[in-house]
Structures are given as structure tokens and as C-alpha cells.
Amino acid sequence: MNARKAMRWTAVGLALAATAALAPSALADGSGDHRPAHVDVLSPRADASTGIGGKDWVLDLKVRYPDGLPTAGWTGPQLTGPAGHNNVPPAAGTFSTGHDDKLPGVVVLLSTTTAGRPGFSGPGTNLANLFNVTAIAEQGRRGATIADTWLVGGAFFGTATDSVLTVAVVKDLNGNGVLDDAPDVVPDANGDGKVDAADLKALGVASNVETVRFRLA
């Protein structure tokens, strides 16, 4: 083997070694293509104007878990709301602010959430448990995808104003192997007076952090 070929193979070997050394850290922190969950916001879309008078709009998500339902901590479907269908088997579920009893790893924040109403403590309030319909959208080789939808029937988050939606799945904080550790309230970790993607990352996430700026009509 001549000197040029030897140098080429040495470079390839070093590159492979570097990749192998980096792989464990990528898995450990849920980065890159190794995240144990992935969030997609279907509605509202970025820069869209939605609702009428701040109400009657839809917040629609899909959350994919490549390792399947056991990772999600999913405890069954739900059909909830303030009316009589709340807590009707087999889709019983609770309807309030805080972490979702059916999908307990998801955090949903709106920047225009204010304190004052029961259960609302400002923009750090996790709104995930207000979602009305939760069900399996897909299972297969790509894992499990769960559909999560909320019909926002009241003008709880302002009118004629811009709001920022932030959604993520919190990492396995208690080490039980399940993504079920979303808090009822996300703290303002950096003390900047906002609760946003930076604070979720400080808490620890297992998924991408989806951020959507939109307008409440």
C-alpha cells in the first residue's frame, strides 16, 4: 500500500472512531435522530389567524413514539370536556389544566395564558389536560403515533392578539423508562419573565420543541 492510500484509510478510520464516540451522547440526551418522541403541530399554523373573538379554534397535535405505546405512558383514549360526555367510559379522562392523565409526558404552553382563573397560573401553565380527544392514529414500523385535539371553546387566551404555542415531550425525569413526567406548571428557569422553549429545555425534553406564533382573531 502506497503512502497516499495509507493516509486515506487512516482518515476513514479516524472518522469512524469519532462517529462511534459521539453516538452514545446523542442517545443519552435525546438529540439528533435518536429522540424517543417527536411532536407535530397540525393546527394552528404559523402566522395564521384563528378563532372568532378569541374562541372556537382548534389546537391539534400528533405525537410519535418510535419505541411504541409503552414509552408514551398512554393509558387509553379520552373524550372529555365541560359537558356531560366528560368521564364517560370507556374514554374516561379528566378535564383541567396540568399534565394529561392519558398522555402524561406532553407539555402544552401558550404565551398569553394569564393567572386568575382556577387552575391557571400564567404562561407556565401546562394546558395538556384540557385536550378533548386523544386516540391512536397509527401503529407500525415507525412506532406509535397519538392524535391529540382540543376545541378551545372560550376566549381564555386573549382576543385580537398574537400568541406563541410551545409543545414538547418531557424526558424521563424519574428514570422509570416511561415518558410520563410532564409538570402541571413549567418554572421560569432563566428568570426572564417568560416561560418558553428555553425553560422546557432547561427542564429536559425527550422530543423536539415545536413553537408556533399565531394570532387569536
C-alpha atoms as a PDB file:
ATOM      1  CA  MET A   1       0.000   0.000   0.000  1.00  0.00           C
ATOM      2  CA  ASN A   2       1.442   3.374  -1.015  1.00  0.00           C
ATOM      3  CA  ALA A   3       1.628   6.369   1.318  1.00  0.00           C
ATOM      4  CA  ARG A   4      -1.417   8.130  -0.220  1.00  0.00           C
ATOM      5  CA  LYS A   5      -3.682   5.087   0.278  1.00  0.00           C
ATOM      6  CA  ALA A   6      -2.394   4.617   3.814  1.00  0.00           C
ATOM      7  CA  MET A   7      -3.246   8.214   4.685  1.00  0.00           C
ATOM      8  CA  ARG A   8      -6.734   7.812   3.161  1.00  0.00           C
ATOM      9  CA  TRP A   9      -7.522   4.701   5.220  1.00  0.00           C
ATOM     10  CA  THR A  10      -6.185   6.383   8.349  1.00  0.00           C
ATOM     11  CA  ALA A  11      -8.569   9.323   7.801  1.00  0.00           C
ATOM     12  CA  VAL A  12     -11.505   6.940   7.308  1.00  0.00           C
ATOM     13  CA  GLY A  13     -10.634   5.101  10.497  1.00  0.00           C
ATOM     14  CA  LEU A  14     -10.441   8.311  12.486  1.00  0.00           C
ATOM     15  CA  ALA A  15     -13.833   9.446  11.145  1.00  0.00           C
ATOM     16  CA  LEU A  16     -15.461   6.138  12.109  1.00  0.00           C
ATOM     17  CA  ALA A  17     -13.935   6.288  15.554  1.00  0.00           C
ATOM     18  CA  ALA A  18     -15.218   9.827  16.081  1.00  0.00           C
ATOM     19  CA  THR A  19     -18.723   8.796  14.998  1.00  0.00           C
ATOM     20  CA  ALA A  20     -18.701   5.860  17.413  1.00  0.00           C
ATOM     21  CA  ALA A  21     -17.529   8.085  20.237  1.00  0.00           C
ATOM     22  CA  LEU A  22     -20.293  10.638  19.624  1.00  0.00           C
ATOM     23  CA  ALA A  23     -23.155   8.163  19.241  1.00  0.00           C
ATOM     24  CA  PRO A  24     -23.679   7.327  22.938  1.00  0.00           C
ATOM     25  CA  SER A  25     -24.003  11.007  23.888  1.00  0.00           C
ATOM     26  CA  ALA A  26     -26.587  11.578  21.150  1.00  0.00           C
ATOM     27  CA  LEU A  27     -28.653   8.718  22.507  1.00  0.00           C
ATOM     28  CA  ALA A  28     -28.272   9.873  26.070  1.00  0.00           C
ATOM     29  CA  ASP A  29     -29.561  13.410  25.543  1.00  0.00           C
ATOM     30  CA  GLY A  30     -32.307  12.588  23.062  1.00  0.00           C
ATOM     31  CA  SER A  31     -30.739  14.641  20.290  1.00  0.00           C
ATOM     32  CA  GLY A  32     -30.445  14.122  16.554  1.00  0.00           C
ATOM     33  CA  ASP A  33     -32.345  11.173  15.076  1.00  0.00           C
ATOM     34  CA  HIS A  34     -32.452   9.287  18.377  1.00  0.00           C
ATOM     35  CA  ARG A  35     -35.194  11.237  20.144  1.00  0.00           C
ATOM     36  CA  PRO A  36     -37.703   8.947  21.874  1.00  0.00           C
ATOM     37  CA  ALA A  37     -40.596  11.212  20.819  1.00  0.00           C
ATOM     38  CA  HIS A  38     -41.487  13.660  18.064  1.00  0.00           C
ATOM     39  CA  VAL A  39     -44.154  16.382  18.138  1.00  0.00           C
ATOM     40  CA  ASP A  40     -46.009  17.830  15.143  1.00  0.00           C
ATOM     41  CA  VAL A  41     -48.395  20.774  15.475  1.00  0.00           C
ATOM     42  CA  LEU A  42     -51.127  20.470  12.839  1.00  0.00           C
ATOM     43  CA  SER A  43     -53.166  23.463  13.967  1.00  0.00           C
ATOM     44  CA  PRO A  44     -52.766  26.377  14.324  1.00  0.00           C
ATOM     45  CA  ARG A  45     -50.288  27.042  11.567  1.00  0.00           C
ATOM     46  CA  ALA A  46     -47.533  29.607  11.871  1.00  0.00           C
ATOM     47  CA  ASP A  47     -48.776  33.175  11.319  1.00  0.00           C
ATOM     48  CA  ALA A  48     -52.385  32.004  10.916  1.00  0.00           C
ATOM     49  CA  SER A  49     -55.319  33.961  12.291  1.00  0.00           C
ATOM     50  CA  THR A  50     -57.710  31.623  14.057  1.00  0.00           C
ATOM     51  CA  GLY A  51     -60.939  31.589  16.030  1.00  0.00           C
ATOM     52  CA  ILE A  52     -63.673  34.161  16.453  1.00  0.00           C
ATOM     53  CA  GLY A  53     -63.398  36.603  19.320  1.00  0.00           C
ATOM     54  CA  GLY A  54     -60.584  34.520  20.808  1.00  0.00           C
ATOM     55  CA  LYS A  55     -62.643  31.310  20.955  1.00  0.00           C
ATOM     56  CA  ASP A  56     -63.869  28.455  18.740  1.00  0.00           C
ATOM     57  CA  TRP A  57     -60.474  27.363  17.443  1.00  0.00           C
ATOM     58  CA  VAL A  58     -58.642  24.038  17.375  1.00  0.00           C
ATOM     59  CA  LEU A  59     -55.295  23.019  18.789  1.00  0.00           C
ATOM     60  CA  ASP A  60     -54.336  19.789  17.045  1.00  0.00           C
ATOM     61  CA  LEU A  61     -51.204  17.694  17.663  1.00  0.00           C
ATOM     62  CA  LYS A  62     -49.644  14.405  16.697  1.00  0.00           C
ATOM     63  CA  VAL A  63     -47.004  12.848  18.928  1.00  0.00           C
ATOM     64  CA  ARG A  64     -44.918   9.947  17.629  1.00  0.00           C
ATOM     65  CA  TYR A  65     -43.104   7.483  19.868  1.00  0.00           C
ATOM     66  CA  PRO A  66     -40.663   5.358  17.819  1.00  0.00           C
ATOM     67  CA  ASP A  67     -40.463   2.719  20.574  1.00  0.00           C
ATOM     68  CA  GLY A  68     -44.246   2.324  20.816  1.00  0.00           C
ATOM     69  CA  LEU A  69     -47.028   2.950  23.306  1.00  0.00           C
ATOM     70  CA  PRO A  70     -45.254   1.720  26.469  1.00  0.00           C
ATOM     71  CA  THR A  71     -42.785   4.615  26.121  1.00  0.00           C
ATOM     72  CA  ALA A  72     -45.655   7.117  25.884  1.00  0.00           C
ATOM     73  CA  GLY A  73     -47.271   6.199  29.175  1.00  0.00           C
ATOM     74  CA  TRP A  74     -50.558   6.227  27.252  1.00  0.00           C
ATOM     75  CA  THR A  75     -53.362   4.874  29.436  1.00  0.00           C
ATOM     76  CA  GLY A  76     -56.191   4.757  26.898  1.00  0.00           C
ATOM     77  CA  PRO A  77     -58.355   7.001  24.717  1.00  0.00           C
ATOM     78  CA  GLN A  78     -60.193  10.010  26.039  1.00  0.00           C
ATOM     79  CA  LEU A  79     -63.215  12.087  25.160  1.00  0.00           C
ATOM     80  CA  THR A  80     -63.525  14.908  27.655  1.00  0.00           C
ATOM     81  CA  GLY A  81     -64.862  18.408  28.040  1.00  0.00           C
ATOM     82  CA  PRO A  82     -67.021  20.586  30.252  1.00  0.00           C
ATOM     83  CA  ALA A  83     -70.272  18.913  29.125  1.00  0.00           C
ATOM     84  CA  GLY A  84     -71.960  15.632  30.015  1.00  0.00           C
ATOM     85  CA  HIS A  85     -69.669  13.370  27.969  1.00  0.00           C
ATOM     86  CA  ASN A  86     -66.803  14.007  30.397  1.00  0.00           C
ATOM     87  CA  ASN A  87     -65.651  10.846  32.199  1.00  0.00           C
ATOM     88  CA  VAL A  88     -67.942   8.530  30.236  1.00  0.00           C
ATOM     89  CA  PRO A  89     -66.354   5.039  29.918  1.00  0.00           C
ATOM     90  CA  PRO A  90     -64.514   3.672  28.015  1.00  0.00           C
ATOM     91  CA  ALA A  91     -62.894   7.026  27.200  1.00  0.00           C
ATOM     92  CA  ALA A  92     -62.865   8.431  30.711  1.00  0.00           C
ATOM     93  CA  GLY A  93     -60.428  11.206  31.386  1.00  0.00           C
ATOM     94  CA  THR A  94     -60.067  14.344  33.451  1.00  0.00           C
ATOM     95  CA  PHE A  95     -60.570  17.875  32.117  1.00  0.00           C
ATOM     96  CA  SER A  96     -58.455  20.558  33.745  1.00  0.00           C
ATOM     97  CA  THR A  97     -55.136  22.332  33.446  1.00  0.00           C
ATOM     98  CA  GLY A  98     -51.977  20.383  34.271  1.00  0.00           C
ATOM     99  CA  HIS A  99     -50.397  17.224  32.866  1.00  0.00           C
ATOM    100  CA  ASP A 100     -52.680  14.949  30.875  1.00  0.00           C
ATOM    101  CA  ASP A 101     -53.719  11.797  32.707  1.00  0.00           C
ATOM    102  CA  LYS A 102     -53.878   9.952  29.355  1.00  0.00           C
ATOM    103  CA  LEU A 103     -50.643  11.245  27.797  1.00  0.00           C
ATOM    104  CA  PRO A 104     -48.601  12.315  30.810  1.00  0.00           C
ATOM    105  CA  GLY A 105     -45.367  13.396  29.163  1.00  0.00           C
ATOM    106  CA  VAL A 106     -46.694  16.206  26.990  1.00  0.00           C
ATOM    107  CA  VAL A 107     -46.382  19.897  27.835  1.00  0.00           C
ATOM    108  CA  VAL A 108     -48.506  22.498  26.016  1.00  0.00           C
ATOM    109  CA  LEU A 109     -47.882  26.195  26.728  1.00  0.00           C
ATOM    110  CA  LEU A 110     -49.493  29.373  25.412  1.00  0.00           C
ATOM    111  CA  SER A 111     -47.676  32.643  25.972  1.00  0.00           C
ATOM    112  CA  THR A 112     -50.939  34.551  26.547  1.00  0.00           C
ATOM    113  CA  THR A 113     -52.106  32.324  29.405  1.00  0.00           C
ATOM    114  CA  THR A 114     -52.826  34.508  32.437  1.00  0.00           C
ATOM    115  CA  ALA A 115     -53.432  33.792  36.099  1.00  0.00           C
ATOM    116  CA  GLY A 116     -56.765  34.346  37.780  1.00  0.00           C
ATOM    117  CA  ARG A 117     -58.988  31.510  36.626  1.00  0.00           C
ATOM    118  CA  PRO A 118     -58.950  28.330  38.751  1.00  0.00           C
ATOM    119  CA  GLY A 119     -56.000  26.188  37.697  1.00  0.00           C
ATOM    120  CA  PHE A 120     -54.352  28.904  35.593  1.00  0.00           C
ATOM    121  CA  SER A 121     -51.101  30.300  36.968  1.00  0.00           C
ATOM    122  CA  GLY A 122     -49.735  32.229  33.998  1.00  0.00           C
ATOM    123  CA  PRO A 123     -47.797  31.225  30.872  1.00  0.00           C
ATOM    124  CA  GLY A 124     -46.081  28.303  32.617  1.00  0.00           C
ATOM    125  CA  THR A 125     -49.424  26.508  32.999  1.00  0.00           C
ATOM    126  CA  ASN A 126     -49.387  23.125  31.279  1.00  0.00           C
ATOM    127  CA  LEU A 127     -52.591  23.001  29.217  1.00  0.00           C
ATOM    128  CA  ALA A 128     -52.249  19.377  28.064  1.00  0.00           C
ATOM    129  CA  ASN A 129     -55.059  18.015  30.240  1.00  0.00           C
ATOM    130  CA  LEU A 130     -57.581  20.305  28.533  1.00  0.00           C
ATOM    131  CA  PHE A 131     -57.362  18.312  25.307  1.00  0.00           C
ATOM    132  CA  ASN A 132     -60.716  16.728  24.462  1.00  0.00           C
ATOM    133  CA  VAL A 133     -59.882  13.811  22.166  1.00  0.00           C
ATOM    134  CA  THR A 134     -56.852  11.532  22.467  1.00  0.00           C
ATOM    135  CA  ALA A 135     -56.510   8.338  20.428  1.00  0.00           C
ATOM    136  CA  ILE A 136     -54.059   6.189  18.489  1.00  0.00           C
ATOM    137  CA  ALA A 137     -53.578   7.489  14.963  1.00  0.00           C
ATOM    138  CA  GLU A 138     -51.104   4.869  13.783  1.00  0.00           C
ATOM    139  CA  GLN A 139     -49.044   1.874  14.868  1.00  0.00           C
ATOM    140  CA  GLY A 140     -46.424   0.114  12.816  1.00  0.00           C
ATOM    141  CA  ARG A 141     -42.748   0.028  11.956  1.00  0.00           C
ATOM    142  CA  ARG A 142     -42.361   3.712  12.809  1.00  0.00           C
ATOM    143  CA  GLY A 143     -43.686   3.158  16.320  1.00  0.00           C
ATOM    144  CA  ALA A 144     -46.937   4.624  17.621  1.00  0.00           C
ATOM    145  CA  THR A 145     -48.474   7.986  16.749  1.00  0.00           C
ATOM    146  CA  ILE A 146     -51.062   9.525  19.061  1.00  0.00           C
ATOM    147  CA  ALA A 147     -53.517  12.192  17.906  1.00  0.00           C
ATOM    148  CA  ASP A 148     -54.423  14.864  20.461  1.00  0.00           C
ATOM    149  CA  THR A 149     -57.042  17.564  19.830  1.00  0.00           C
ATOM    150  CA  TRP A 150     -58.540  20.432  21.812  1.00  0.00           C
ATOM    151  CA  LEU A 151     -61.515  22.520  20.765  1.00  0.00           C
ATOM    152  CA  VAL A 152     -60.913  25.805  22.596  1.00  0.00           C
ATOM    153  CA  GLY A 153     -64.436  26.997  23.334  1.00  0.00           C
ATOM    154  CA  GLY A 154     -63.680  30.109  25.377  1.00  0.00           C
ATOM    155  CA  ALA A 155     -61.676  33.303  24.947  1.00  0.00           C
ATOM    156  CA  PHE A 156     -59.213  32.288  27.655  1.00  0.00           C
ATOM    157  CA  PHE A 157     -56.038  33.438  25.905  1.00  0.00           C
ATOM    158  CA  GLY A 158     -56.869  36.854  24.553  1.00  0.00           C
ATOM    159  CA  THR A 159     -58.516  38.408  21.520  1.00  0.00           C
ATOM    160  CA  ALA A 160     -57.003  40.322  18.615  1.00  0.00           C
ATOM    161  CA  THR A 161     -53.564  39.390  19.902  1.00  0.00           C
ATOM    162  CA  ASP A 162     -50.550  37.299  18.949  1.00  0.00           C
ATOM    163  CA  SER A 163     -49.800  34.188  20.969  1.00  0.00           C
ATOM    164  CA  VAL A 164     -46.981  31.642  20.934  1.00  0.00           C
ATOM    165  CA  LEU A 165     -47.715  27.933  21.261  1.00  0.00           C
ATOM    166  CA  THR A 166     -44.911  25.742  22.612  1.00  0.00           C
ATOM    167  CA  VAL A 167     -45.189  21.942  22.727  1.00  0.00           C
ATOM    168  CA  ALA A 168     -42.757  19.193  23.736  1.00  0.00           C
ATOM    169  CA  VAL A 169     -42.497  15.827  25.466  1.00  0.00           C
ATOM    170  CA  VAL A 170     -40.581  15.955  28.753  1.00  0.00           C
ATOM    171  CA  LYS A 171     -37.746  13.483  29.190  1.00  0.00           C
ATOM    172  CA  ASP A 172     -37.828  10.546  31.621  1.00  0.00           C
ATOM    173  CA  LEU A 173     -37.038  12.549  34.750  1.00  0.00           C
ATOM    174  CA  ASN A 174     -37.724   9.788  37.275  1.00  0.00           C
ATOM    175  CA  GLY A 175     -35.892   7.031  35.380  1.00  0.00           C
ATOM    176  CA  ASN A 176     -38.827   4.610  35.151  1.00  0.00           C
ATOM    177  CA  GLY A 177     -38.426   4.122  31.399  1.00  0.00           C
ATOM    178  CA  VAL A 178     -41.666   5.929  30.569  1.00  0.00           C
ATOM    179  CA  LEU A 179     -42.154   9.487  29.290  1.00  0.00           C
ATOM    180  CA  ASP A 180     -44.712  10.430  31.937  1.00  0.00           C
ATOM    181  CA  ASP A 181     -43.070  13.288  33.840  1.00  0.00           C
ATOM    182  CA  ALA A 182     -44.671  16.468  32.495  1.00  0.00           C
ATOM    183  CA  PRO A 183     -45.251  19.008  35.282  1.00  0.00           C
ATOM    184  CA  ASP A 184     -48.507  20.856  35.921  1.00  0.00           C
ATOM    185  CA  VAL A 185     -46.570  24.126  35.778  1.00  0.00           C
ATOM    186  CA  VAL A 186     -43.269  24.736  33.980  1.00  0.00           C
ATOM    187  CA  PRO A 187     -40.984  27.039  36.010  1.00  0.00           C
ATOM    188  CA  ASP A 188     -39.328  30.141  34.586  1.00  0.00           C
ATOM    189  CA  ALA A 189     -35.879  28.571  34.790  1.00  0.00           C
ATOM    190  CA  ASN A 190     -33.907  31.526  33.444  1.00  0.00           C
ATOM    191  CA  GLY A 191     -35.927  34.202  35.260  1.00  0.00           C
ATOM    192  CA  ASP A 192     -36.637  36.281  32.148  1.00  0.00           C
ATOM    193  CA  GLY A 193     -40.341  36.692  32.929  1.00  0.00           C
ATOM    194  CA  LYS A 194     -41.419  34.314  30.143  1.00  0.00           C
ATOM    195  CA  VAL A 195     -41.978  30.569  30.058  1.00  0.00           C
ATOM    196  CA  ASP A 196     -40.976  29.243  26.664  1.00  0.00           C
ATOM    197  CA  ALA A 197     -38.806  26.769  24.764  1.00  0.00           C
ATOM    198  CA  ALA A 198     -35.697  27.720  26.747  1.00  0.00           C
ATOM    199  CA  ASP A 199     -37.405  26.809  30.017  1.00  0.00           C
ATOM    200  CA  LEU A 200     -38.628  23.490  28.617  1.00  0.00           C
ATOM    201  CA  LYS A 201     -35.104  22.654  27.505  1.00  0.00           C
ATOM    202  CA  ALA A 202     -33.829  23.549  30.967  1.00  0.00           C
ATOM    203  CA  LEU A 203     -36.392  21.159  32.441  1.00  0.00           C
ATOM    204  CA  GLY A 204     -35.343  18.443  29.981  1.00  0.00           C
ATOM    205  CA  VAL A 205     -37.084  17.244  26.830  1.00  0.00           C
ATOM    206  CA  ALA A 206     -37.274  13.917  25.017  1.00  0.00           C
ATOM    207  CA  SER A 207     -38.595  15.406  21.769  1.00  0.00           C
ATOM    208  CA  ASN A 208     -38.226  18.381  19.504  1.00  0.00           C
ATOM    209  CA  VAL A 209     -39.714  21.610  20.886  1.00  0.00           C
ATOM    210  CA  GLU A 210     -42.378  22.907  18.497  1.00  0.00           C
ATOM    211  CA  THR A 211     -43.023  26.655  18.614  1.00  0.00           C
ATOM    212  CA  VAL A 212     -45.802  28.298  16.605  1.00  0.00           C
ATOM    213  CA  ARG A 213     -46.610  32.018  16.595  1.00  0.00           C
ATOM    214  CA  PHE A 214     -50.188  32.729  15.525  1.00  0.00           C
ATOM    215  CA  ARG A 215     -52.953  35.280  16.001  1.00  0.00           C
ATOM    216  CA  LEU A 216     -56.139  34.968  18.017  1.00  0.00           C
ATOM    217  CA  ALA A 217     -58.699  36.786  15.858  1.00  0.00           C
END
